[in-house]
Amino acid sequence: MAEEKKVVKKAAPKKAPAKKAVAAKKAVAAKKAPAKAVATKKPAAKPAAKKPVAKKAAPKKNTVSVTLTKSFHGRLPTHRATVTGLGLKRINHTVVLQDTPEVRGMINKVAYLLKVEG
């Protein structure tokens, strides 16, 4: 009752890669041609010496020095994460941080473990 149909797959027609290769060779040749023309030109006159630019002093950013005074082991996991987020690794480890509202919020969260200067 069920008839089997034979499926014959035909190979897809191949695209002609020769055109791409010819186009690529023309592009390479076109790139090389201007390079030769540039090499034959006379070198341009040297520009006048530039005046040294005075470097602007970096604006002073407020910093705060934070020292871990108590161990964060046995504390809440969020408090442990905050201490490591501040860059503190061990007791009496001091880090200098930029005084931003984000850092101040982290310091306030675990202030009972820290000593803050500045």
PDB file of N, CA and C in Angstrom:
ATOM      1  N   MET A   1       0.806  -1.179   0.000  1.00  0.00           N
ATOM      2  CA  MET A   1       0.000   0.000   0.000  1.00  0.00           C
ATOM      3  C   MET A   1       0.865   1.265   0.000  1.00  0.00           C
ATOM      4  N   ALA A   2       1.853   1.258   0.849  1.00  0.00           N
ATOM      5  CA  ALA A   2       2.722   2.440   0.879  1.00  0.00           C
ATOM      6  C   ALA A   2       3.771   2.317  -0.208  1.00  0.00           C
ATOM      7  N   GLU A   3       3.800   3.279  -1.028  1.00  0.00           N
ATOM      8  CA  GLU A   3       4.782   3.262  -2.110  1.00  0.00           C
ATOM      9  C   GLU A   3       5.973   4.103  -1.696  1.00  0.00           C
ATOM     10  N   GLU A   4       7.120   3.583  -1.950  1.00  0.00           N
ATOM     11  CA  GLU A   4       8.338   4.329  -1.625  1.00  0.00           C
ATOM     12  C   GLU A   4       8.720   5.190  -2.813  1.00  0.00           C
ATOM     13  N   LYS A   5       9.024   6.417  -2.504  1.00  0.00           N
ATOM     14  CA  LYS A   5       9.457   7.331  -3.551  1.00  0.00           C
ATOM     15  C   LYS A   5      10.957   7.496  -3.436  1.00  0.00           C
ATOM     16  N   LYS A   6      11.602   7.397  -4.540  1.00  0.00           N
ATOM     17  CA  LYS A   6      13.045   7.578  -4.539  1.00  0.00           C
ATOM     18  C   LYS A   6      13.346   9.058  -4.750  1.00  0.00           C
ATOM     19  N   VAL A   7      14.151   9.561  -3.857  1.00  0.00           N
ATOM     20  CA  VAL A   7      14.533  10.968  -3.957  1.00  0.00           C
ATOM     21  C   VAL A   7      15.925  11.029  -4.540  1.00  0.00           C
ATOM     22  N   VAL A   8      16.040  11.718  -5.614  1.00  0.00           N
ATOM     23  CA  VAL A   8      17.331  11.873  -6.267  1.00  0.00           C
ATOM     24  C   VAL A   8      17.802  13.306  -6.027  1.00  0.00           C
ATOM     25  N   LYS A   9      18.921  13.418  -5.349  1.00  0.00           N
ATOM     26  CA  LYS A   9      19.469  14.747  -5.090  1.00  0.00           C
ATOM     27  C   LYS A   9      20.432  15.115  -6.203  1.00  0.00           C
ATOM     28  N   LYS A  10      20.221  16.277  -6.705  1.00  0.00           N
ATOM     29  CA  LYS A  10      21.124  16.764  -7.742  1.00  0.00           C
ATOM     30  C   LYS A  10      22.115  17.716  -7.093  1.00  0.00           C
ATOM     31  N   ALA A  11      23.314  17.677  -7.581  1.00  0.00           N
ATOM     32  CA  ALA A  11      24.342  18.558  -7.053  1.00  0.00           C
ATOM     33  C   ALA A  11      24.005  19.992  -7.435  1.00  0.00           C
ATOM     34  N   ALA A  12      24.227  20.892  -6.510  1.00  0.00           N
ATOM     35  CA  ALA A  12      23.955  22.298  -6.777  1.00  0.00           C
ATOM     36  C   ALA A  12      24.936  22.796  -7.826  1.00  0.00           C
ATOM     37  N   PRO A  13      24.485  23.666  -8.694  1.00  0.00           N
ATOM     38  CA  PRO A  13      25.399  24.182  -9.719  1.00  0.00           C
ATOM     39  C   PRO A  13      26.513  24.980  -9.056  1.00  0.00           C
ATOM     40  N   LYS A  14      27.717  24.771  -9.529  1.00  0.00           N
ATOM     41  CA  LYS A  14      28.866  25.440  -8.944  1.00  0.00           C
ATOM     42  C   LYS A  14      28.958  26.858  -9.493  1.00  0.00           C
ATOM     43  N   LYS A  15      29.316  27.753  -8.592  1.00  0.00           N
ATOM     44  CA  LYS A  15      29.508  29.138  -9.013  1.00  0.00           C
ATOM     45  C   LYS A  15      30.895  29.267  -9.607  1.00  0.00           C
ATOM     46  N   ALA A  16      31.036  30.176 -10.491  1.00  0.00           N
ATOM     47  CA  ALA A  16      32.317  30.350 -11.161  1.00  0.00           C
ATOM     48  C   ALA A  16      33.261  31.148 -10.262  1.00  0.00           C
ATOM     49  N   PRO A  17      34.243  30.495  -9.628  1.00  0.00           N
ATOM     50  CA  PRO A  17      35.168  31.221  -8.766  1.00  0.00           C
ATOM     51  C   PRO A  17      36.201  32.004  -9.567  1.00  0.00           C
ATOM     52  N   ALA A  18      36.303  31.753 -10.846  1.00  0.00           N
ATOM     53  CA  ALA A  18      37.311  32.429 -11.657  1.00  0.00           C
ATOM     54  C   ALA A  18      37.070  33.931 -11.678  1.00  0.00           C
ATOM     55  N   LYS A  19      35.811  34.356 -11.709  1.00  0.00           N
ATOM     56  CA  LYS A  19      35.518  35.785 -11.742  1.00  0.00           C
ATOM     57  C   LYS A  19      35.989  36.462 -10.468  1.00  0.00           C
ATOM     58  N   LYS A  20      35.799  35.793  -9.342  1.00  0.00           N
ATOM     59  CA  LYS A  20      36.240  36.371  -8.068  1.00  0.00           C
ATOM     60  C   LYS A  20      37.751  36.489  -8.037  1.00  0.00           C
ATOM     61  N   ALA A  21      38.435  35.486  -8.504  1.00  0.00           N
ATOM     62  CA  ALA A  21      39.892  35.512  -8.492  1.00  0.00           C
ATOM     63  C   ALA A  21      40.407  36.624  -9.385  1.00  0.00           C
ATOM     64  N   VAL A  22      39.778  36.801 -10.542  1.00  0.00           N
ATOM     65  CA  VAL A  22      40.198  37.866 -11.458  1.00  0.00           C
ATOM     66  C   VAL A  22      39.945  39.222 -10.814  1.00  0.00           C
ATOM     67  N   ALA A  23      38.793  39.385 -10.163  1.00  0.00           N
ATOM     68  CA  ALA A  23      38.476  40.646  -9.512  1.00  0.00           C
ATOM     69  C   ALA A  23      39.449  40.916  -8.369  1.00  0.00           C
ATOM     70  N   ALA A  24      39.824  39.870  -7.639  1.00  0.00           N
ATOM     71  CA  ALA A  24      40.767  40.036  -6.533  1.00  0.00           C
ATOM     72  C   ALA A  24      42.133  40.459  -7.050  1.00  0.00           C
ATOM     73  N   LYS A  25      42.573  39.877  -8.166  1.00  0.00           N
ATOM     74  CA  LYS A  25      43.868  40.244  -8.735  1.00  0.00           C
ATOM     75  C   LYS A  25      43.855  41.688  -9.194  1.00  0.00           C
ATOM     76  N   LYS A  26      42.737  42.140  -9.781  1.00  0.00           N
ATOM     77  CA  LYS A  26      42.632  43.530 -10.225  1.00  0.00           C
ATOM     78  C   LYS A  26      42.690  44.471  -9.030  1.00  0.00           C
ATOM     79  N   ALA A  27      42.041  44.088  -7.931  1.00  0.00           N
ATOM     80  CA  ALA A  27      42.044  44.934  -6.744  1.00  0.00           C
ATOM     81  C   ALA A  27      43.441  45.037  -6.163  1.00  0.00           C
ATOM     82  N   VAL A  28      44.181  43.937  -6.160  1.00  0.00           N
ATOM     83  CA  VAL A  28      45.555  43.945  -5.653  1.00  0.00           C
ATOM     84  C   VAL A  28      46.422  44.817  -6.548  1.00  0.00           C
ATOM     85  N   ALA A  29      46.242  44.698  -7.845  1.00  0.00           N
ATOM     86  CA  ALA A  29      47.017  45.499  -8.782  1.00  0.00           C
ATOM     87  C   ALA A  29      46.690  46.976  -8.609  1.00  0.00           C
ATOM     88  N   ALA A  30      45.429  47.307  -8.370  1.00  0.00           N
ATOM     89  CA  ALA A  30      45.030  48.693  -8.189  1.00  0.00           C
ATOM     90  C   ALA A  30      45.651  49.270  -6.921  1.00  0.00           C
ATOM     91  N   LYS A  31      45.773  48.453  -5.880  1.00  0.00           N
ATOM     92  CA  LYS A  31      46.381  48.928  -4.636  1.00  0.00           C
ATOM     93  C   LYS A  31      47.865  49.181  -4.816  1.00  0.00           C
ATOM     94  N   LYS A  32      48.527  48.365  -5.603  1.00  0.00           N
ATOM     95  CA  LYS A  32      49.964  48.514  -5.786  1.00  0.00           C
ATOM     96  C   LYS A  32      50.307  49.722  -6.648  1.00  0.00           C
ATOM     97  N   ALA A  33      49.463  50.050  -7.601  1.00  0.00           N
ATOM     98  CA  ALA A  33      49.751  51.140  -8.529  1.00  0.00           C
ATOM     99  C   ALA A  33      49.911  52.478  -7.815  1.00  0.00           C
ATOM    100  N   PRO A  34      49.013  52.894  -6.913  1.00  0.00           N
ATOM    101  CA  PRO A  34      49.206  54.183  -6.259  1.00  0.00           C
ATOM    102  C   PRO A  34      50.437  54.206  -5.367  1.00  0.00           C
ATOM    103  N   ALA A  35      50.820  53.078  -4.823  1.00  0.00           N
ATOM    104  CA  ALA A  35      51.991  53.039  -3.957  1.00  0.00           C
ATOM    105  C   ALA A  35      53.236  53.440  -4.739  1.00  0.00           C
ATOM    106  N   LYS A  36      53.324  53.014  -5.994  1.00  0.00           N
ATOM    107  CA  LYS A  36      54.467  53.382  -6.820  1.00  0.00           C
ATOM    108  C   LYS A  36      54.440  54.866  -7.125  1.00  0.00           C
ATOM    109  N   ALA A  37      53.266  55.404  -7.366  1.00  0.00           N
ATOM    110  CA  ALA A  37      53.144  56.815  -7.682  1.00  0.00           C
ATOM    111  C   ALA A  37      53.551  57.665  -6.482  1.00  0.00           C
ATOM    112  N   VAL A  38      53.210  57.233  -5.293  1.00  0.00           N
ATOM    113  CA  VAL A  38      53.566  57.984  -4.100  1.00  0.00           C
ATOM    114  C   VAL A  38      55.066  57.952  -3.889  1.00  0.00           C
ATOM    115  N   ALA A  39      55.696  56.839  -4.211  1.00  0.00           N
ATOM    116  CA  ALA A  39      57.128  56.705  -4.005  1.00  0.00           C
ATOM    117  C   ALA A  39      57.908  57.625  -4.938  1.00  0.00           C
ATOM    118  N   THR A  40      57.353  57.955  -6.089  1.00  0.00           N
ATOM    119  CA  THR A  40      58.077  58.793  -7.040  1.00  0.00           C
ATOM    120  C   THR A  40      57.941  60.274  -6.724  1.00  0.00           C
ATOM    121  N   LYS A  41      56.990  60.647  -5.863  1.00  0.00           N
ATOM    122  CA  LYS A  41      56.820  62.059  -5.521  1.00  0.00           C
ATOM    123  C   LYS A  41      57.969  62.520  -4.642  1.00  0.00           C
ATOM    124  N   LYS A  42      58.242  63.809  -4.712  1.00  0.00           N
ATOM    125  CA  LYS A  42      59.291  64.386  -3.873  1.00  0.00           C
ATOM    126  C   LYS A  42      58.766  64.499  -2.444  1.00  0.00           C
ATOM    127  N   PRO A  43      59.637  64.323  -1.455  1.00  0.00           N
ATOM    128  CA  PRO A  43      59.181  64.450  -0.069  1.00  0.00           C
ATOM    129  C   PRO A  43      58.720  65.878   0.210  1.00  0.00           C
ATOM    130  N   ALA A  44      57.671  65.998   0.989  1.00  0.00           N
ATOM    131  CA  ALA A  44      57.111  67.305   1.328  1.00  0.00           C
ATOM    132  C   ALA A  44      58.050  68.036   2.274  1.00  0.00           C
ATOM    133  N   ALA A  45      57.955  69.353   2.248  1.00  0.00           N
ATOM    134  CA  ALA A  45      58.792  70.166   3.132  1.00  0.00           C
ATOM    135  C   ALA A  45      58.407  69.891   4.580  1.00  0.00           C
ATOM    136  N   LYS A  46      59.386  69.929   5.477  1.00  0.00           N
ATOM    137  CA  LYS A  46      59.121  69.658   6.883  1.00  0.00           C
ATOM    138  C   LYS A  46      58.299  70.792   7.480  1.00  0.00           C
ATOM    139  N   PRO A  47      57.265  70.464   8.258  1.00  0.00           N
ATOM    140  CA  PRO A  47      56.466  71.524   8.879  1.00  0.00           C
ATOM    141  C   PRO A  47      57.266  72.202   9.985  1.00  0.00           C
ATOM    142  N   ALA A  48      56.859  73.406  10.311  1.00  0.00           N
ATOM    143  CA  ALA A  48      57.546  74.157  11.360  1.00  0.00           C
ATOM    144  C   ALA A  48      57.452  73.390  12.672  1.00  0.00           C
ATOM    145  N   ALA A  49      58.461  73.548  13.514  1.00  0.00           N
ATOM    146  CA  ALA A  49      58.481  72.836  14.790  1.00  0.00           C
ATOM    147  C   ALA A  49      57.290  73.268  15.638  1.00  0.00           C
ATOM    148  N   LYS A  50      56.605  72.284  16.201  1.00  0.00           N
ATOM    149  CA  LYS A  50      55.441  72.586  17.028  1.00  0.00           C
ATOM    150  C   LYS A  50      55.894  72.992  18.422  1.00  0.00           C
ATOM    151  N   LYS A  51      55.138  73.901  19.004  1.00  0.00           N
ATOM    152  CA  LYS A  51      55.443  74.320  20.364  1.00  0.00           C
ATOM    153  C   LYS A  51      55.013  73.214  21.321  1.00  0.00           C
ATOM    154  N   PRO A  52      55.802  72.951  22.351  1.00  0.00           N
ATOM    155  CA  PRO A  52      55.394  71.915  23.304  1.00  0.00           C
ATOM    156  C   PRO A  52      54.113  72.346  24.026  1.00  0.00           C
ATOM    157  N   VAL A  53      53.183  71.438  24.088  1.00  0.00           N
ATOM    158  CA  VAL A  53      51.911  71.719  24.729  1.00  0.00           C
ATOM    159  C   VAL A  53      52.053  71.471  26.224  1.00  0.00           C
ATOM    160  N   ALA A  54      51.671  72.480  26.999  1.00  0.00           N
ATOM    161  CA  ALA A  54      51.746  72.336  28.450  1.00  0.00           C
ATOM    162  C   ALA A  54      50.664  71.371  28.898  1.00  0.00           C
ATOM    163  N   LYS A  55      51.044  70.355  29.659  1.00  0.00           N
ATOM    164  CA  LYS A  55      50.073  69.385  30.141  1.00  0.00           C
ATOM    165  C   LYS A  55      49.244  70.013  31.252  1.00  0.00           C
ATOM    166  N   LYS A  56      47.954  69.782  31.161  1.00  0.00           N
ATOM    167  CA  LYS A  56      47.063  70.293  32.188  1.00  0.00           C
ATOM    168  C   LYS A  56      47.182  69.415  33.426  1.00  0.00           C
ATOM    169  N   ALA A  57      47.189  70.055  34.566  1.00  0.00           N
ATOM    170  CA  ALA A  57      47.260  69.299  35.809  1.00  0.00           C
ATOM    171  C   ALA A  57      45.961  68.530  35.989  1.00  0.00           C
ATOM    172  N   ALA A  58      46.081  67.266  36.352  1.00  0.00           N
ATOM    173  CA  ALA A  58      44.900  66.440  36.554  1.00  0.00           C
ATOM    174  C   ALA A  58      44.110  67.002  37.730  1.00  0.00           C
ATOM    175  N   PRO A  59      42.812  67.135  37.571  1.00  0.00           N
ATOM    176  CA  PRO A  59      42.023  67.666  38.684  1.00  0.00           C
ATOM    177  C   PRO A  59      42.091  66.717  39.866  1.00  0.00           C
ATOM    178  N   LYS A  60      42.263  67.308  41.048  1.00  0.00           N
ATOM    179  CA  LYS A  60      42.356  66.478  42.245  1.00  0.00           C
ATOM    180  C   LYS A  60      40.994  65.882  42.544  1.00  0.00           C
ATOM    181  N   LYS A  61      40.972  64.572  42.658  1.00  0.00           N
ATOM    182  CA  LYS A  61      39.735  63.899  43.002  1.00  0.00           C
ATOM    183  C   LYS A  61      39.785  63.572  44.480  1.00  0.00           C
ATOM    184  N   ASN A  62      38.683  63.779  45.124  1.00  0.00           N
ATOM    185  CA  ASN A  62      38.627  63.467  46.544  1.00  0.00           C
ATOM    186  C   ASN A  62      38.776  61.969  46.736  1.00  0.00           C
ATOM    187  N   THR A  63      39.598  61.607  47.687  1.00  0.00           N
ATOM    188  CA  THR A  63      39.803  60.193  47.980  1.00  0.00           C
ATOM    189  C   THR A  63      39.493  59.933  49.444  1.00  0.00           C
ATOM    190  N   VAL A  64      39.236  58.682  49.729  1.00  0.00           N
ATOM    191  CA  VAL A  64      38.964  58.262  51.093  1.00  0.00           C
ATOM    192  C   VAL A  64      39.786  57.003  51.349  1.00  0.00           C
ATOM    193  N   SER A  65      40.412  56.945  52.513  1.00  0.00           N
ATOM    194  CA  SER A  65      41.225  55.798  52.883  1.00  0.00           C
ATOM    195  C   SER A  65      40.406  54.902  53.816  1.00  0.00           C
ATOM    196  N   VAL A  66      40.286  53.636  53.446  1.00  0.00           N
ATOM    197  CA  VAL A  66      39.458  52.698  54.201  1.00  0.00           C
ATOM    198  C   VAL A  66      40.338  51.553  54.701  1.00  0.00           C
ATOM    199  N   THR A  67      40.231  51.228  55.989  1.00  0.00           N
ATOM    200  CA  THR A  67      40.996  50.141  56.595  1.00  0.00           C
ATOM    201  C   THR A  67      40.032  49.148  57.230  1.00  0.00           C
ATOM    202  N   LEU A  68      40.264  47.878  56.953  1.00  0.00           N
ATOM    203  CA  LEU A  68      39.447  46.825  57.560  1.00  0.00           C
ATOM    204  C   LEU A  68      39.994  46.554  58.960  1.00  0.00           C
ATOM    205  N   THR A  69      39.171  46.795  60.002  1.00  0.00           N
ATOM    206  CA  THR A  69      39.643  46.633  61.378  1.00  0.00           C
ATOM    207  C   THR A  69      39.136  45.351  62.027  1.00  0.00           C
ATOM    208  N   LYS A  70      38.030  44.820  61.538  1.00  0.00           N
ATOM    209  CA  LYS A  70      37.477  43.591  62.100  1.00  0.00           C
ATOM    210  C   LYS A  70      37.321  42.569  60.983  1.00  0.00           C
ATOM    211  N   SER A  71      37.295  41.303  61.366  1.00  0.00           N
ATOM    212  CA  SER A  71      37.139  40.235  60.394  1.00  0.00           C
ATOM    213  C   SER A  71      35.723  40.214  59.828  1.00  0.00           C
ATOM    214  N   PHE A  72      35.615  39.914  58.550  1.00  0.00           N
ATOM    215  CA  PHE A  72      34.290  39.816  57.939  1.00  0.00           C
ATOM    216  C   PHE A  72      33.800  38.375  57.878  1.00  0.00           C
ATOM    217  N   HIS A  73      34.563  37.444  58.449  1.00  0.00           N
ATOM    218  CA  HIS A  73      34.095  36.055  58.508  1.00  0.00           C
ATOM    219  C   HIS A  73      32.981  35.959  59.546  1.00  0.00           C
ATOM    220  N   GLY A  74      31.959  35.195  59.223  1.00  0.00           N
ATOM    221  CA  GLY A  74      30.822  35.049  60.113  1.00  0.00           C
ATOM    222  C   GLY A  74      29.817  36.178  59.988  1.00  0.00           C
ATOM    223  N   ARG A  75      30.009  37.071  59.042  1.00  0.00           N
ATOM    224  CA  ARG A  75      29.070  38.183  58.816  1.00  0.00           C
ATOM    225  C   ARG A  75      28.075  37.797  57.730  1.00  0.00           C
ATOM    226  N   LEU A  76      27.142  38.660  57.485  1.00  0.00           N
ATOM    227  CA  LEU A  76      26.160  38.427  56.432  1.00  0.00           C
ATOM    228  C   LEU A  76      26.861  38.329  55.077  1.00  0.00           C
ATOM    229  N   PRO A  77      26.390  37.467  54.200  1.00  0.00           N
ATOM    230  CA  PRO A  77      27.028  37.321  52.881  1.00  0.00           C
ATOM    231  C   PRO A  77      27.074  38.625  52.087  1.00  0.00           C
ATOM    232  N   THR A  78      26.040  39.458  52.227  1.00  0.00           N
ATOM    233  CA  THR A  78      26.061  40.731  51.505  1.00  0.00           C
ATOM    234  C   THR A  78      27.126  41.666  52.059  1.00  0.00           C
ATOM    235  N   HIS A  79      27.361  41.600  53.359  1.00  0.00           N
ATOM    236  CA  HIS A  79      28.396  42.433  53.962  1.00  0.00           C
ATOM    237  C   HIS A  79      29.781  41.946  53.548  1.00  0.00           C
ATOM    238  N   ARG A  80      29.955  40.619  53.473  1.00  0.00           N
ATOM    239  CA  ARG A  80      31.234  40.065  52.987  1.00  0.00           C
ATOM    240  C   ARG A  80      31.497  40.531  51.567  1.00  0.00           C
ATOM    241  N   ALA A  81      30.469  40.487  50.735  1.00  0.00           N
ATOM    242  CA  ALA A  81      30.615  40.896  49.336  1.00  0.00           C
ATOM    243  C   ALA A  81      30.946  42.384  49.245  1.00  0.00           C
ATOM    244  N   THR A  82      30.378  43.179  50.125  1.00  0.00           N
ATOM    245  CA  THR A  82      30.653  44.615  50.118  1.00  0.00           C
ATOM    246  C   THR A  82      32.096  44.890  50.494  1.00  0.00           C
ATOM    247  N   VAL A  83      32.603  44.168  51.493  1.00  0.00           N
ATOM    248  CA  VAL A  83      33.994  44.360  51.907  1.00  0.00           C
ATOM    249  C   VAL A  83      34.948  43.988  50.770  1.00  0.00           C
ATOM    250  N   THR A  84      34.697  42.876  50.095  1.00  0.00           N
ATOM    251  CA  THR A  84      35.557  42.502  48.973  1.00  0.00           C
ATOM    252  C   THR A  84      35.364  43.463  47.804  1.00  0.00           C
ATOM    253  N   GLY A  85      34.167  44.019  47.653  1.00  0.00           N
ATOM    254  CA  GLY A  85      33.920  45.011  46.607  1.00  0.00           C
ATOM    255  C   GLY A  85      34.701  46.286  46.840  1.00  0.00           C
ATOM    256  N   LEU A  86      34.964  46.595  48.091  1.00  0.00           N
ATOM    257  CA  LEU A  86      35.802  47.757  48.415  1.00  0.00           C
ATOM    258  C   LEU A  86      37.280  47.467  48.181  1.00  0.00           C
ATOM    259  N   GLY A  87      37.622  46.212  47.951  1.00  0.00           N
ATOM    260  CA  GLY A  87      39.015  45.854  47.682  1.00  0.00           C
ATOM    261  C   GLY A  87      39.794  45.460  48.912  1.00  0.00           C
ATOM    262  N   LEU A  88      39.099  45.237  50.020  1.00  0.00           N
ATOM    263  CA  LEU A  88      39.770  44.862  51.275  1.00  0.00           C
ATOM    264  C   LEU A  88      39.876  43.352  51.358  1.00  0.00           C
ATOM    265  N   LYS A  89      41.072  42.869  51.754  1.00  0.00           N
ATOM    266  CA  LYS A  89      41.312  41.432  51.742  1.00  0.00           C
ATOM    267  C   LYS A  89      41.576  40.840  53.119  1.00  0.00           C
ATOM    268  N   ARG A  90      42.141  41.608  54.032  1.00  0.00           N
ATOM    269  CA  ARG A  90      42.493  41.066  55.347  1.00  0.00           C
ATOM    270  C   ARG A  90      42.456  42.196  56.377  1.00  0.00           C
ATOM    271  N   ILE A  91      42.526  41.838  57.622  1.00  0.00           N
ATOM    272  CA  ILE A  91      42.505  42.828  58.701  1.00  0.00           C
ATOM    273  C   ILE A  91      43.734  43.729  58.571  1.00  0.00           C
ATOM    274  N   ASN A  92      43.539  45.012  58.815  1.00  0.00           N
ATOM    275  CA  ASN A  92      44.546  46.079  58.698  1.00  0.00           C
ATOM    276  C   ASN A  92      44.984  46.335  57.257  1.00  0.00           C
ATOM    277  N   HIS A  93      44.235  45.862  56.298  1.00  0.00           N
ATOM    278  CA  HIS A  93      44.503  46.172  54.895  1.00  0.00           C
ATOM    279  C   HIS A  93      43.833  47.510  54.581  1.00  0.00           C
ATOM    280  N   THR A  94      44.619  48.443  54.027  1.00  0.00           N
ATOM    281  CA  THR A  94      44.124  49.782  53.725  1.00  0.00           C
ATOM    282  C   THR A  94      44.052  49.980  52.227  1.00  0.00           C
ATOM    283  N   VAL A  95      42.974  50.607  51.781  1.00  0.00           N
ATOM    284  CA  VAL A  95      42.767  50.890  50.366  1.00  0.00           C
ATOM    285  C   VAL A  95      42.353  52.352  50.230  1.00  0.00           C
ATOM    286  N   VAL A  96      42.890  53.028  49.197  1.00  0.00           N
ATOM    287  CA  VAL A  96      42.495  54.401  48.909  1.00  0.00           C
ATOM    288  C   VAL A  96      41.517  54.364  47.747  1.00  0.00           C
ATOM    289  N   LEU A  97      40.315  54.898  47.971  1.00  0.00           N
ATOM    290  CA  LEU A  97      39.239  54.857  46.983  1.00  0.00           C
ATOM    291  C   LEU A  97      38.770  56.267  46.656  1.00  0.00           C
ATOM    292  N   GLN A  98      38.157  56.428  45.492  1.00  0.00           N
ATOM    293  CA  GLN A  98      37.554  57.712  45.136  1.00  0.00           C
ATOM    294  C   GLN A  98      36.326  57.935  45.992  1.00  0.00           C
ATOM    295  N   ASP A  99      36.141  59.174  46.399  1.00  0.00           N
ATOM    296  CA  ASP A  99      35.019  59.504  47.275  1.00  0.00           C
ATOM    297  C   ASP A  99      33.791  59.782  46.416  1.00  0.00           C
ATOM    298  N   THR A 100      33.039  58.721  46.129  1.00  0.00           N
ATOM    299  CA  THR A 100      31.817  58.836  45.336  1.00  0.00           C
ATOM    300  C   THR A 100      30.639  58.384  46.177  1.00  0.00           C
ATOM    301  N   PRO A 101      29.438  58.740  45.784  1.00  0.00           N
ATOM    302  CA  PRO A 101      28.266  58.288  46.556  1.00  0.00           C
ATOM    303  C   PRO A 101      28.156  56.767  46.630  1.00  0.00           C
ATOM    304  N   GLU A 102      28.580  56.083  45.561  1.00  0.00           N
ATOM    305  CA  GLU A 102      28.513  54.620  45.565  1.00  0.00           C
ATOM    306  C   GLU A 102      29.444  54.035  46.618  1.00  0.00           C
ATOM    307  N   VAL A 103      30.664  54.550  46.685  1.00  0.00           N
ATOM    308  CA  VAL A 103      31.639  54.061  47.659  1.00  0.00           C
ATOM    309  C   VAL A 103      31.185  54.417  49.069  1.00  0.00           C
ATOM    310  N   ARG A 104      30.649  55.613  49.236  1.00  0.00           N
ATOM    311  CA  ARG A 104      30.171  56.024  50.563  1.00  0.00           C
ATOM    312  C   ARG A 104      29.034  55.106  51.030  1.00  0.00           C
ATOM    313  N   GLY A 105      28.169  54.703  50.125  1.00  0.00           N
ATOM    314  CA  GLY A 105      27.089  53.793  50.492  1.00  0.00           C
ATOM    315  C   GLY A 105      27.623  52.444  50.939  1.00  0.00           C
ATOM    316  N   MET A 106      28.662  51.948  50.249  1.00  0.00           N
ATOM    317  CA  MET A 106      29.271  50.678  50.647  1.00  0.00           C
ATOM    318  C   MET A 106      29.929  50.800  52.008  1.00  0.00           C
ATOM    319  N   ILE A 107      30.584  51.932  52.242  1.00  0.00           N
ATOM    320  CA  ILE A 107      31.242  52.147  53.532  1.00  0.00           C
ATOM    321  C   ILE A 107      30.202  52.203  54.648  1.00  0.00           C
ATOM    322  N   ASN A 108      29.089  52.893  54.411  1.00  0.00           N
ATOM    323  CA  ASN A 108      28.046  52.998  55.435  1.00  0.00           C
ATOM    324  C   ASN A 108      27.433  51.637  55.756  1.00  0.00           C
ATOM    325  N   LYS A 109      27.370  50.762  54.770  1.00  0.00           N
ATOM    326  CA  LYS A 109      26.770  49.447  54.969  1.00  0.00           C
ATOM    327  C   LYS A 109      27.587  48.594  55.931  1.00  0.00           C
ATOM    328  N   VAL A 110      28.925  48.699  55.857  1.00  0.00           N
ATOM    329  CA  VAL A 110      29.795  47.866  56.708  1.00  0.00           C
ATOM    330  C   VAL A 110      30.691  48.723  57.579  1.00  0.00           C
ATOM    331  N   ALA A 111      30.175  49.873  58.017  1.00  0.00           N
ATOM    332  CA  ALA A 111      30.970  50.804  58.809  1.00  0.00           C
ATOM    333  C   ALA A 111      31.464  50.192  60.117  1.00  0.00           C
ATOM    334  N   TYR A 112      30.742  49.201  60.650  1.00  0.00           N
ATOM    335  CA  TYR A 112      31.149  48.575  61.909  1.00  0.00           C
ATOM    336  C   TYR A 112      32.401  47.714  61.763  1.00  0.00           C
ATOM    337  N   LEU A 113      32.844  47.456  60.527  1.00  0.00           N
ATOM    338  CA  LEU A 113      34.051  46.678  60.285  1.00  0.00           C
ATOM    339  C   LEU A 113      35.236  47.539  59.860  1.00  0.00           C
ATOM    340  N   LEU A 114      34.998  48.824  59.610  1.00  0.00           N
ATOM    341  CA  LEU A 114      35.994  49.668  58.962  1.00  0.00           C
ATOM    342  C   LEU A 114      36.442  50.840  59.805  1.00  0.00           C
ATOM    343  N   LYS A 115      37.608  51.388  59.420  1.00  0.00           N
ATOM    344  CA  LYS A 115      38.058  52.680  59.907  1.00  0.00           C
ATOM    345  C   LYS A 115      38.248  53.545  58.664  1.00  0.00           C
ATOM    346  N   VAL A 116      37.631  54.716  58.636  1.00  0.00           N
ATOM    347  CA  VAL A 116      37.622  55.575  57.445  1.00  0.00           C
ATOM    348  C   VAL A 116      38.380  56.851  57.750  1.00  0.00           C
ATOM    349  N   GLU A 117      39.264  57.249  56.841  1.00  0.00           N
ATOM    350  CA  GLU A 117      40.023  58.491  56.963  1.00  0.00           C
ATOM    351  C   GLU A 117      39.892  59.281  55.666  1.00  0.00           C
ATOM    352  N   GLY A 118      39.702  60.576  55.814  1.00  0.00           N
ATOM    353  CA  GLY A 118      39.675  61.447  54.640  1.00  0.00           C
ATOM    354  C   GLY A 118      38.399  61.670  54.086  1.00  0.00           C
TER     355      GLY A 118
END
